[in-house]
Amino acid sequence: MARSDELRQVPDFRRGVEMPKQEVRSMLPPIWQIGILVGDVDEAVEYTSSRFGWGPFRVEEFQLTDAIFRGQPRSWRMKAAFANRPGPVEIELIQVLEADPDIREFYWSKGGGLHHLGFLVKDLDGILAELAEDGIEPVWHHRLPGVRLAFVNIDKIGGVCYELVEVKKRIVNPMP
C-alpha cells in the first residue's frame, strides 16, 4: 500500500483550479447527439421518461436500404426514439430489429449502452479525408435526401462510434 505522501495529488476542480491551457485544433463541432443502444426502445422510453424526465420522445421505425457497410451495400431495420431533452444534445435510443449477424455484431460487440456521439458537420468528405490520414475509415455510410452520414469507429478511445452527419437542407432529424 502506498504511503499518503506517495499518492498522486488530484486537483479539486470544484474549487476553481484551472487546467493548463492547450492549443487544440478540433475538426468536429460540439456534440449534437448521444446514441444509446437498447434491447427494447419502448421500455427504454418509458424508463427514461419516468425516471429521468427525458422526453418527449419521437419514436420511428425505419429501413436503411443500400447503406454501405464495410464496403458492401446492405440493408437493415431499426427502431429509434429521439428526444431533445435534457438540454441541447439530442438523445437517441436505438434498437436493431432486423440485421445480418455482422451488422448486429457492429452494434452489440460492446454490449448495450453508449453507442455513438453524433456531430453535425459542414464538410463530411473533408473530415473523412482527415480521419483516413490517421487510418480511421467509415464503418458504414449512407445518403438520404438532403443528408449524408457516416459512422466511424474510434477504437483508439474505447471504441465509441462517431456519427458524422452533413445536412444539405434544414430538417428536424437526419434519420428517415
N, C-alpha and C. Protein backbone atom coordinates (compact mmCIF):
# COMPACT_ATOMS: atom_id res chain seq x y z
N MET A 1 0.84 -1.18 0.00
CA MET A 1 0.00 0.00 0.00
C MET A 1 0.89 1.24 0.00
N ALA A 2 0.50 2.22 -0.80
CA ALA A 2 1.29 3.45 -0.92
C ALA A 2 1.12 4.31 0.32
N ARG A 3 2.20 4.97 0.70
CA ARG A 3 2.10 5.93 1.80
C ARG A 3 1.36 7.15 1.29
N SER A 4 0.75 7.89 2.21
CA SER A 4 -0.07 9.04 1.81
C SER A 4 0.75 10.09 1.07
N ASP A 5 2.05 10.25 1.41
CA ASP A 5 2.83 11.26 0.71
C ASP A 5 3.26 10.78 -0.68
N GLU A 6 3.02 9.50 -0.98
CA GLU A 6 3.33 8.98 -2.31
C GLU A 6 2.11 9.05 -3.24
N LEU A 7 0.95 9.29 -2.68
CA LEU A 7 -0.25 9.32 -3.50
C LEU A 7 -0.24 10.54 -4.41
N ARG A 8 -0.69 10.32 -5.61
CA ARG A 8 -0.77 11.39 -6.59
C ARG A 8 -1.82 12.41 -6.16
N GLN A 9 -1.47 13.65 -6.19
CA GLN A 9 -2.42 14.70 -5.85
C GLN A 9 -3.36 14.94 -7.03
N VAL A 10 -4.65 14.93 -6.76
CA VAL A 10 -5.65 15.19 -7.79
C VAL A 10 -6.25 16.56 -7.51
N PRO A 11 -6.21 17.45 -8.50
CA PRO A 11 -6.77 18.79 -8.27
C PRO A 11 -8.27 18.72 -8.03
N ASP A 12 -8.76 19.60 -7.17
CA ASP A 12 -10.18 19.69 -6.89
C ASP A 12 -10.75 20.76 -7.81
N PHE A 13 -11.38 20.35 -8.90
CA PHE A 13 -11.88 21.28 -9.91
C PHE A 13 -13.04 22.12 -9.40
N ARG A 14 -13.66 21.69 -8.35
CA ARG A 14 -14.77 22.46 -7.79
C ARG A 14 -14.29 23.73 -7.12
N ARG A 15 -13.03 23.82 -6.82
CA ARG A 15 -12.50 24.99 -6.12
C ARG A 15 -11.79 25.95 -7.05
N GLY A 16 -12.07 25.88 -8.33
CA GLY A 16 -11.53 26.84 -9.27
C GLY A 16 -10.11 26.56 -9.74
N VAL A 17 -9.62 25.34 -9.58
CA VAL A 17 -8.30 25.01 -10.09
C VAL A 17 -8.38 25.02 -11.61
N GLU A 18 -7.50 25.75 -12.25
CA GLU A 18 -7.54 25.85 -13.70
C GLU A 18 -6.68 24.77 -14.34
N MET A 19 -7.20 24.24 -15.42
CA MET A 19 -6.45 23.27 -16.21
C MET A 19 -5.44 24.04 -17.07
N PRO A 20 -4.27 23.45 -17.33
CA PRO A 20 -3.32 24.13 -18.22
C PRO A 20 -3.95 24.33 -19.59
N LYS A 21 -3.72 25.50 -20.17
CA LYS A 21 -4.30 25.80 -21.48
C LYS A 21 -3.45 25.14 -22.55
N GLN A 22 -4.16 24.49 -23.47
CA GLN A 22 -3.51 23.83 -24.58
C GLN A 22 -4.12 24.34 -25.87
N GLU A 23 -3.31 24.44 -26.87
CA GLU A 23 -3.84 24.79 -28.18
C GLU A 23 -4.32 23.50 -28.82
N VAL A 24 -5.62 23.43 -29.06
CA VAL A 24 -6.20 22.23 -29.63
C VAL A 24 -6.95 22.63 -30.90
N ARG A 25 -6.68 21.89 -31.95
CA ARG A 25 -7.40 22.10 -33.20
C ARG A 25 -8.46 21.01 -33.28
N SER A 26 -9.71 21.42 -33.37
CA SER A 26 -10.78 20.45 -33.43
C SER A 26 -11.41 20.46 -34.81
N MET A 27 -11.50 19.28 -35.42
CA MET A 27 -12.17 19.18 -36.70
C MET A 27 -13.67 18.98 -36.52
N LEU A 28 -14.10 18.70 -35.28
CA LEU A 28 -15.51 18.41 -35.03
C LEU A 28 -16.17 19.53 -34.23
N PRO A 29 -17.43 19.79 -34.54
CA PRO A 29 -18.20 20.77 -33.76
C PRO A 29 -18.64 20.14 -32.44
N PRO A 30 -19.36 20.90 -31.61
CA PRO A 30 -19.85 20.32 -30.35
C PRO A 30 -20.76 19.11 -30.61
N ILE A 31 -20.84 18.24 -29.63
CA ILE A 31 -21.68 17.05 -29.73
C ILE A 31 -23.14 17.48 -29.92
N TRP A 32 -23.78 16.88 -30.88
CA TRP A 32 -25.18 17.17 -31.19
C TRP A 32 -26.09 16.06 -30.68
N GLN A 33 -25.57 14.82 -30.63
CA GLN A 33 -26.42 13.68 -30.29
C GLN A 33 -25.64 12.63 -29.51
N ILE A 34 -26.33 11.96 -28.60
CA ILE A 34 -25.80 10.79 -27.91
C ILE A 34 -26.69 9.62 -28.27
N GLY A 35 -26.08 8.59 -28.86
CA GLY A 35 -26.82 7.39 -29.25
C GLY A 35 -26.61 6.28 -28.24
N ILE A 36 -27.71 5.71 -27.74
CA ILE A 36 -27.66 4.67 -26.72
C ILE A 36 -28.34 3.43 -27.28
N LEU A 37 -27.64 2.32 -27.31
CA LEU A 37 -28.16 1.06 -27.81
C LEU A 37 -28.96 0.36 -26.72
N VAL A 38 -30.20 0.00 -27.03
CA VAL A 38 -31.08 -0.64 -26.04
C VAL A 38 -31.69 -1.91 -26.65
N GLY A 39 -32.14 -2.79 -25.79
CA GLY A 39 -32.79 -4.01 -26.26
C GLY A 39 -34.22 -3.78 -26.70
N ASP A 40 -34.91 -2.82 -26.07
CA ASP A 40 -36.31 -2.52 -26.39
C ASP A 40 -36.53 -1.01 -26.26
N VAL A 41 -36.75 -0.36 -27.38
CA VAL A 41 -36.92 1.10 -27.39
C VAL A 41 -38.10 1.53 -26.53
N ASP A 42 -39.23 0.83 -26.65
CA ASP A 42 -40.43 1.25 -25.91
C ASP A 42 -40.20 1.19 -24.40
N GLU A 43 -39.55 0.12 -23.92
CA GLU A 43 -39.23 0.03 -22.49
C GLU A 43 -38.25 1.12 -22.08
N ALA A 44 -37.25 1.40 -22.92
CA ALA A 44 -36.26 2.42 -22.60
C ALA A 44 -36.90 3.81 -22.56
N VAL A 45 -37.83 4.08 -23.46
CA VAL A 45 -38.54 5.37 -23.45
C VAL A 45 -39.33 5.51 -22.17
N GLU A 46 -40.06 4.47 -21.81
CA GLU A 46 -40.86 4.51 -20.58
C GLU A 46 -39.98 4.74 -19.36
N TYR A 47 -38.88 4.00 -19.27
CA TYR A 47 -37.99 4.11 -18.12
C TYR A 47 -37.33 5.49 -18.04
N THR A 48 -36.72 5.94 -19.15
CA THR A 48 -36.00 7.22 -19.10
C THR A 48 -36.96 8.39 -18.93
N SER A 49 -38.18 8.27 -19.44
CA SER A 49 -39.17 9.34 -19.25
C SER A 49 -39.62 9.42 -17.80
N SER A 50 -39.96 8.26 -17.24
CA SER A 50 -40.49 8.28 -15.87
C SER A 50 -39.40 8.48 -14.83
N ARG A 51 -38.22 7.95 -15.06
CA ARG A 51 -37.15 8.01 -14.06
C ARG A 51 -36.35 9.29 -14.12
N PHE A 52 -36.03 9.74 -15.35
CA PHE A 52 -35.14 10.89 -15.52
C PHE A 52 -35.82 12.12 -16.09
N GLY A 53 -37.06 11.98 -16.52
CA GLY A 53 -37.78 13.12 -17.09
C GLY A 53 -37.37 13.45 -18.51
N TRP A 54 -36.72 12.53 -19.21
CA TRP A 54 -36.33 12.79 -20.60
C TRP A 54 -37.57 12.72 -21.48
N GLY A 55 -37.55 13.52 -22.51
CA GLY A 55 -38.65 13.48 -23.47
C GLY A 55 -39.25 14.85 -23.65
N PRO A 56 -40.28 14.94 -24.44
CA PRO A 56 -40.98 13.83 -25.07
C PRO A 56 -40.14 13.19 -26.18
N PHE A 57 -40.38 11.92 -26.43
CA PHE A 57 -39.68 11.18 -27.46
C PHE A 57 -40.52 11.08 -28.72
N ARG A 58 -39.85 11.09 -29.84
CA ARG A 58 -40.45 10.79 -31.14
C ARG A 58 -39.91 9.40 -31.53
N VAL A 59 -40.79 8.40 -31.66
CA VAL A 59 -40.37 7.03 -31.94
C VAL A 59 -40.65 6.72 -33.41
N GLU A 60 -39.65 6.16 -34.08
CA GLU A 60 -39.77 5.84 -35.50
C GLU A 60 -39.14 4.48 -35.79
N GLU A 61 -39.75 3.75 -36.71
CA GLU A 61 -39.14 2.55 -37.28
C GLU A 61 -38.71 2.91 -38.69
N PHE A 62 -37.55 2.42 -39.10
CA PHE A 62 -37.11 2.70 -40.46
C PHE A 62 -36.23 1.59 -40.99
N GLN A 63 -36.21 1.51 -42.30
CA GLN A 63 -35.39 0.55 -43.02
C GLN A 63 -34.26 1.33 -43.68
N LEU A 64 -33.04 0.99 -43.33
CA LEU A 64 -31.89 1.56 -44.02
C LEU A 64 -31.63 0.67 -45.24
N THR A 65 -31.79 1.23 -46.41
CA THR A 65 -31.57 0.45 -47.63
C THR A 65 -30.37 0.99 -48.37
N ASP A 66 -29.59 0.09 -48.91
CA ASP A 66 -28.41 0.44 -49.70
C ASP A 66 -27.39 1.28 -48.94
N ALA A 67 -27.33 1.11 -47.63
CA ALA A 67 -26.24 1.72 -46.87
C ALA A 67 -24.98 0.93 -47.20
N ILE A 68 -23.84 1.58 -47.14
CA ILE A 68 -22.58 0.91 -47.40
C ILE A 68 -21.97 0.52 -46.06
N PHE A 69 -21.93 -0.78 -45.79
CA PHE A 69 -21.40 -1.31 -44.54
C PHE A 69 -20.13 -2.09 -44.85
N ARG A 70 -19.00 -1.59 -44.34
CA ARG A 70 -17.70 -2.21 -44.60
C ARG A 70 -17.49 -2.51 -46.08
N GLY A 71 -17.86 -1.49 -46.90
CA GLY A 71 -17.61 -1.55 -48.33
C GLY A 71 -18.67 -2.24 -49.16
N GLN A 72 -19.70 -2.81 -48.54
CA GLN A 72 -20.72 -3.56 -49.27
C GLN A 72 -22.10 -2.94 -49.05
N PRO A 73 -22.95 -2.85 -50.10
CA PRO A 73 -24.32 -2.35 -49.91
C PRO A 73 -25.11 -3.32 -49.03
N ARG A 74 -25.77 -2.79 -48.03
CA ARG A 74 -26.53 -3.62 -47.08
C ARG A 74 -27.80 -2.89 -46.67
N SER A 75 -28.72 -3.62 -46.09
CA SER A 75 -29.96 -3.05 -45.55
C SER A 75 -30.24 -3.66 -44.19
N TRP A 76 -30.85 -2.88 -43.31
CA TRP A 76 -31.29 -3.40 -42.01
C TRP A 76 -32.39 -2.52 -41.48
N ARG A 77 -33.15 -3.07 -40.53
CA ARG A 77 -34.31 -2.37 -39.98
C ARG A 77 -34.04 -2.02 -38.52
N MET A 78 -34.43 -0.79 -38.16
CA MET A 78 -34.17 -0.29 -36.81
C MET A 78 -35.41 0.42 -36.27
N LYS A 79 -35.40 0.59 -34.96
CA LYS A 79 -36.39 1.42 -34.29
C LYS A 79 -35.60 2.38 -33.42
N ALA A 80 -35.98 3.64 -33.44
CA ALA A 80 -35.24 4.64 -32.66
C ALA A 80 -36.21 5.63 -32.04
N ALA A 81 -35.83 6.14 -30.90
CA ALA A 81 -36.58 7.18 -30.22
C ALA A 81 -35.65 8.38 -30.03
N PHE A 82 -36.16 9.57 -30.36
CA PHE A 82 -35.35 10.79 -30.31
C PHE A 82 -35.97 11.78 -29.34
N ALA A 83 -35.12 12.35 -28.46
CA ALA A 83 -35.58 13.37 -27.52
C ALA A 83 -34.55 14.49 -27.47
N ASN A 84 -35.00 15.72 -27.51
CA ASN A 84 -34.10 16.87 -27.41
C ASN A 84 -33.93 17.33 -25.98
N ARG A 85 -34.28 16.53 -25.04
CA ARG A 85 -34.12 16.85 -23.64
C ARG A 85 -33.26 15.77 -23.00
N PRO A 86 -32.50 15.97 -22.01
CA PRO A 86 -32.31 17.22 -21.27
C PRO A 86 -31.22 18.07 -21.91
N GLY A 87 -31.53 19.28 -22.23
CA GLY A 87 -30.52 20.18 -22.75
C GLY A 87 -30.43 20.19 -24.26
N PRO A 88 -29.34 20.75 -24.76
CA PRO A 88 -29.20 20.97 -26.20
C PRO A 88 -28.77 19.73 -26.99
N VAL A 89 -28.45 18.65 -26.33
CA VAL A 89 -27.98 17.44 -27.01
C VAL A 89 -29.16 16.49 -27.19
N GLU A 90 -29.32 16.00 -28.42
CA GLU A 90 -30.39 15.04 -28.70
C GLU A 90 -29.99 13.68 -28.15
N ILE A 91 -30.95 12.99 -27.55
CA ILE A 91 -30.76 11.62 -27.07
C ILE A 91 -31.44 10.71 -28.09
N GLU A 92 -30.71 9.70 -28.58
CA GLU A 92 -31.28 8.71 -29.47
C GLU A 92 -31.17 7.34 -28.82
N LEU A 93 -32.31 6.68 -28.64
CA LEU A 93 -32.35 5.31 -28.15
C LEU A 93 -32.52 4.41 -29.37
N ILE A 94 -31.65 3.41 -29.54
CA ILE A 94 -31.57 2.63 -30.77
C ILE A 94 -31.84 1.16 -30.49
N GLN A 95 -32.72 0.56 -31.29
CA GLN A 95 -32.98 -0.87 -31.24
C GLN A 95 -32.84 -1.44 -32.65
N VAL A 96 -31.98 -2.43 -32.82
CA VAL A 96 -31.85 -3.10 -34.12
C VAL A 96 -32.93 -4.17 -34.18
N LEU A 97 -33.80 -4.07 -35.20
CA LEU A 97 -34.90 -5.03 -35.32
C LEU A 97 -34.53 -6.22 -36.21
N GLU A 98 -33.98 -5.93 -37.37
CA GLU A 98 -33.58 -6.99 -38.30
C GLU A 98 -32.26 -6.60 -38.93
N ALA A 99 -31.29 -7.52 -38.90
CA ALA A 99 -29.99 -7.24 -39.50
C ALA A 99 -29.20 -8.54 -39.63
N ASP A 100 -28.28 -8.55 -40.57
CA ASP A 100 -27.36 -9.67 -40.71
C ASP A 100 -26.49 -9.76 -39.46
N PRO A 101 -25.92 -10.95 -39.19
CA PRO A 101 -25.10 -11.12 -37.98
C PRO A 101 -23.94 -10.12 -37.87
N ASP A 102 -23.28 -9.77 -38.97
CA ASP A 102 -22.14 -8.84 -38.85
C ASP A 102 -22.59 -7.43 -38.50
N ILE A 103 -23.77 -7.04 -38.95
CA ILE A 103 -24.30 -5.73 -38.58
C ILE A 103 -24.72 -5.74 -37.11
N ARG A 104 -25.36 -6.82 -36.67
CA ARG A 104 -25.70 -6.94 -35.24
C ARG A 104 -24.44 -6.90 -34.39
N GLU A 105 -23.39 -7.55 -34.84
CA GLU A 105 -22.12 -7.56 -34.11
C GLU A 105 -21.56 -6.14 -34.01
N PHE A 106 -21.67 -5.36 -35.08
CA PHE A 106 -21.22 -3.97 -35.04
C PHE A 106 -21.94 -3.21 -33.94
N TYR A 107 -23.23 -3.39 -33.82
CA TYR A 107 -23.99 -2.67 -32.80
C TYR A 107 -23.79 -3.25 -31.41
N TRP A 108 -23.70 -4.58 -31.28
CA TRP A 108 -23.71 -5.20 -29.96
C TRP A 108 -22.36 -5.70 -29.49
N SER A 109 -21.28 -5.47 -30.22
CA SER A 109 -19.98 -6.03 -29.85
C SER A 109 -19.52 -5.61 -28.45
N LYS A 110 -19.93 -4.46 -28.00
CA LYS A 110 -19.54 -3.99 -26.66
C LYS A 110 -20.72 -3.99 -25.70
N GLY A 111 -21.80 -4.64 -26.11
CA GLY A 111 -23.00 -4.68 -25.28
C GLY A 111 -23.83 -3.41 -25.47
N GLY A 112 -24.92 -3.31 -24.76
CA GLY A 112 -25.77 -2.13 -24.85
C GLY A 112 -25.13 -0.94 -24.18
N GLY A 113 -25.81 0.17 -24.24
CA GLY A 113 -25.30 1.39 -23.64
C GLY A 113 -24.81 2.37 -24.69
N LEU A 114 -23.84 3.18 -24.32
CA LEU A 114 -23.35 4.22 -25.22
C LEU A 114 -22.88 3.61 -26.52
N HIS A 115 -23.45 4.06 -27.61
CA HIS A 115 -23.08 3.56 -28.93
C HIS A 115 -22.32 4.60 -29.72
N HIS A 116 -22.85 5.84 -29.77
CA HIS A 116 -22.17 6.85 -30.57
C HIS A 116 -22.39 8.26 -30.04
N LEU A 117 -21.47 9.11 -30.46
CA LEU A 117 -21.60 10.55 -30.29
C LEU A 117 -21.83 11.11 -31.69
N GLY A 118 -22.85 11.93 -31.84
CA GLY A 118 -23.18 12.47 -33.15
C GLY A 118 -22.74 13.91 -33.29
N PHE A 119 -22.27 14.25 -34.50
CA PHE A 119 -21.78 15.59 -34.82
C PHE A 119 -22.39 16.05 -36.13
N LEU A 120 -22.97 17.24 -36.16
CA LEU A 120 -23.42 17.85 -37.41
C LEU A 120 -22.21 18.54 -38.03
N VAL A 121 -21.84 18.15 -39.23
CA VAL A 121 -20.64 18.67 -39.87
C VAL A 121 -20.99 19.37 -41.18
N LYS A 122 -20.14 20.28 -41.60
CA LYS A 122 -20.37 21.01 -42.85
C LYS A 122 -19.71 20.34 -44.05
N ASP A 123 -18.62 19.61 -43.81
CA ASP A 123 -17.85 19.01 -44.90
C ASP A 123 -17.50 17.57 -44.55
N LEU A 124 -18.44 16.67 -44.79
CA LEU A 124 -18.24 15.27 -44.45
C LEU A 124 -17.03 14.69 -45.18
N ASP A 125 -16.91 14.98 -46.47
CA ASP A 125 -15.77 14.44 -47.23
C ASP A 125 -14.44 14.92 -46.67
N GLY A 126 -14.35 16.19 -46.29
CA GLY A 126 -13.12 16.73 -45.73
C GLY A 126 -12.73 16.07 -44.42
N ILE A 127 -13.72 15.87 -43.55
CA ILE A 127 -13.44 15.23 -42.26
C ILE A 127 -13.05 13.76 -42.46
N LEU A 128 -13.76 13.07 -43.36
CA LEU A 128 -13.40 11.67 -43.62
C LEU A 128 -12.00 11.56 -44.20
N ALA A 129 -11.60 12.52 -45.03
CA ALA A 129 -10.23 12.51 -45.58
C ALA A 129 -9.20 12.71 -44.48
N GLU A 130 -9.47 13.64 -43.55
CA GLU A 130 -8.55 13.85 -42.42
C GLU A 130 -8.45 12.60 -41.55
N LEU A 131 -9.58 11.97 -41.27
CA LEU A 131 -9.58 10.77 -40.45
C LEU A 131 -8.84 9.63 -41.16
N ALA A 132 -8.99 9.54 -42.47
CA ALA A 132 -8.31 8.48 -43.23
C ALA A 132 -6.80 8.61 -43.11
N GLU A 133 -6.30 9.84 -42.98
CA GLU A 133 -4.85 10.04 -42.78
C GLU A 133 -4.37 9.37 -41.49
N ASP A 134 -5.27 9.22 -40.52
CA ASP A 134 -4.95 8.53 -39.26
C ASP A 134 -5.36 7.07 -39.28
N GLY A 135 -5.76 6.57 -40.45
CA GLY A 135 -6.17 5.17 -40.57
C GLY A 135 -7.57 4.89 -40.09
N ILE A 136 -8.40 5.92 -39.95
CA ILE A 136 -9.77 5.75 -39.48
C ILE A 136 -10.70 5.86 -40.68
N GLU A 137 -11.37 4.75 -40.97
CA GLU A 137 -12.29 4.68 -42.11
C GLU A 137 -13.72 4.52 -41.61
N PRO A 138 -14.70 4.92 -42.41
CA PRO A 138 -16.10 4.71 -42.01
C PRO A 138 -16.43 3.23 -41.93
N VAL A 139 -17.18 2.86 -40.90
CA VAL A 139 -17.70 1.50 -40.80
C VAL A 139 -18.89 1.37 -41.74
N TRP A 140 -19.74 2.39 -41.71
CA TRP A 140 -20.83 2.45 -42.68
C TRP A 140 -21.19 3.88 -42.98
N HIS A 141 -21.75 4.08 -44.17
CA HIS A 141 -22.21 5.41 -44.56
C HIS A 141 -23.44 5.27 -45.45
N HIS A 142 -24.18 6.38 -45.55
CA HIS A 142 -25.48 6.33 -46.22
C HIS A 142 -25.85 7.72 -46.71
N ARG A 143 -26.61 7.76 -47.78
CA ARG A 143 -27.17 9.02 -48.30
C ARG A 143 -28.69 8.96 -48.19
N LEU A 144 -29.25 10.04 -47.71
CA LEU A 144 -30.69 10.22 -47.67
C LEU A 144 -30.97 11.54 -48.39
N PRO A 145 -32.22 11.82 -48.74
CA PRO A 145 -32.49 13.11 -49.38
C PRO A 145 -32.03 14.28 -48.49
N GLY A 146 -31.05 15.03 -48.97
CA GLY A 146 -30.55 16.20 -48.25
C GLY A 146 -29.59 15.91 -47.12
N VAL A 147 -29.26 14.63 -46.90
CA VAL A 147 -28.43 14.26 -45.76
C VAL A 147 -27.44 13.17 -46.18
N ARG A 148 -26.21 13.31 -45.68
CA ARG A 148 -25.20 12.25 -45.80
C ARG A 148 -24.70 11.96 -44.40
N LEU A 149 -24.48 10.68 -44.10
CA LEU A 149 -23.96 10.36 -42.78
C LEU A 149 -22.96 9.23 -42.87
N ALA A 150 -22.06 9.21 -41.90
CA ALA A 150 -21.05 8.17 -41.81
C ALA A 150 -20.80 7.86 -40.34
N PHE A 151 -20.60 6.58 -40.05
CA PHE A 151 -20.20 6.15 -38.72
C PHE A 151 -18.75 5.73 -38.79
N VAL A 152 -17.94 6.30 -37.92
CA VAL A 152 -16.54 5.88 -37.82
C VAL A 152 -16.34 5.33 -36.41
N ASN A 153 -15.57 4.26 -36.32
CA ASN A 153 -15.32 3.62 -35.04
C ASN A 153 -13.94 4.07 -34.55
N ILE A 154 -13.92 4.79 -33.48
CA ILE A 154 -12.67 5.33 -32.95
C ILE A 154 -12.13 4.35 -31.90
N ASP A 155 -11.51 3.27 -32.35
CA ASP A 155 -11.01 2.24 -31.44
C ASP A 155 -9.93 2.76 -30.49
N LYS A 156 -9.24 3.83 -30.89
CA LYS A 156 -8.16 4.35 -30.06
C LYS A 156 -8.66 4.94 -28.75
N ILE A 157 -9.96 5.24 -28.66
CA ILE A 157 -10.51 5.82 -27.43
C ILE A 157 -11.69 5.01 -26.91
N GLY A 158 -11.57 3.70 -26.95
CA GLY A 158 -12.57 2.85 -26.33
C GLY A 158 -13.64 2.33 -27.26
N GLY A 159 -13.54 2.62 -28.55
CA GLY A 159 -14.46 2.03 -29.50
C GLY A 159 -15.81 2.70 -29.63
N VAL A 160 -16.01 3.86 -29.06
CA VAL A 160 -17.26 4.58 -29.25
C VAL A 160 -17.29 5.09 -30.69
N CYS A 161 -18.42 4.90 -31.35
CA CYS A 161 -18.55 5.39 -32.73
C CYS A 161 -18.83 6.89 -32.73
N TYR A 162 -18.38 7.52 -33.80
CA TYR A 162 -18.75 8.90 -34.07
C TYR A 162 -19.66 8.89 -35.28
N GLU A 163 -20.83 9.49 -35.14
CA GLU A 163 -21.73 9.64 -36.28
C GLU A 163 -21.52 11.04 -36.82
N LEU A 164 -21.12 11.13 -38.06
CA LEU A 164 -20.90 12.41 -38.72
C LEU A 164 -22.03 12.63 -39.69
N VAL A 165 -22.77 13.73 -39.52
CA VAL A 165 -23.96 13.99 -40.32
C VAL A 165 -23.80 15.33 -41.03
N GLU A 166 -23.90 15.30 -42.34
CA GLU A 166 -23.87 16.52 -43.15
C GLU A 166 -25.28 16.75 -43.69
N VAL A 167 -25.87 17.88 -43.33
CA VAL A 167 -27.23 18.21 -43.73
C VAL A 167 -27.18 19.29 -44.79
N LYS A 168 -27.80 19.02 -45.93
CA LYS A 168 -27.84 20.00 -47.02
C LYS A 168 -29.10 20.84 -47.00
N LYS A 169 -30.12 20.38 -46.27
CA LYS A 169 -31.34 21.16 -46.10
C LYS A 169 -31.79 21.04 -44.67
N ARG A 170 -32.53 22.03 -44.18
CA ARG A 170 -32.94 22.03 -42.79
C ARG A 170 -33.97 20.96 -42.54
N ILE A 171 -33.68 20.10 -41.55
CA ILE A 171 -34.58 19.03 -41.15
C ILE A 171 -34.57 18.93 -39.63
N VAL A 172 -35.56 18.28 -39.07
CA VAL A 172 -35.62 18.09 -37.62
C VAL A 172 -34.64 17.03 -37.19
N ASN A 173 -34.64 15.89 -37.87
CA ASN A 173 -33.75 14.80 -37.53
C ASN A 173 -33.26 14.18 -38.82
N PRO A 174 -31.95 13.93 -38.96
CA PRO A 174 -31.44 13.43 -40.22
C PRO A 174 -31.77 11.97 -40.52
N MET A 175 -32.28 11.23 -39.57
CA MET A 175 -32.65 9.84 -39.86
C MET A 175 -34.04 9.82 -40.48
N PRO A 176 -34.32 8.82 -41.35
CA PRO A 176 -35.62 8.78 -42.03
C PRO A 176 -36.76 8.57 -41.06
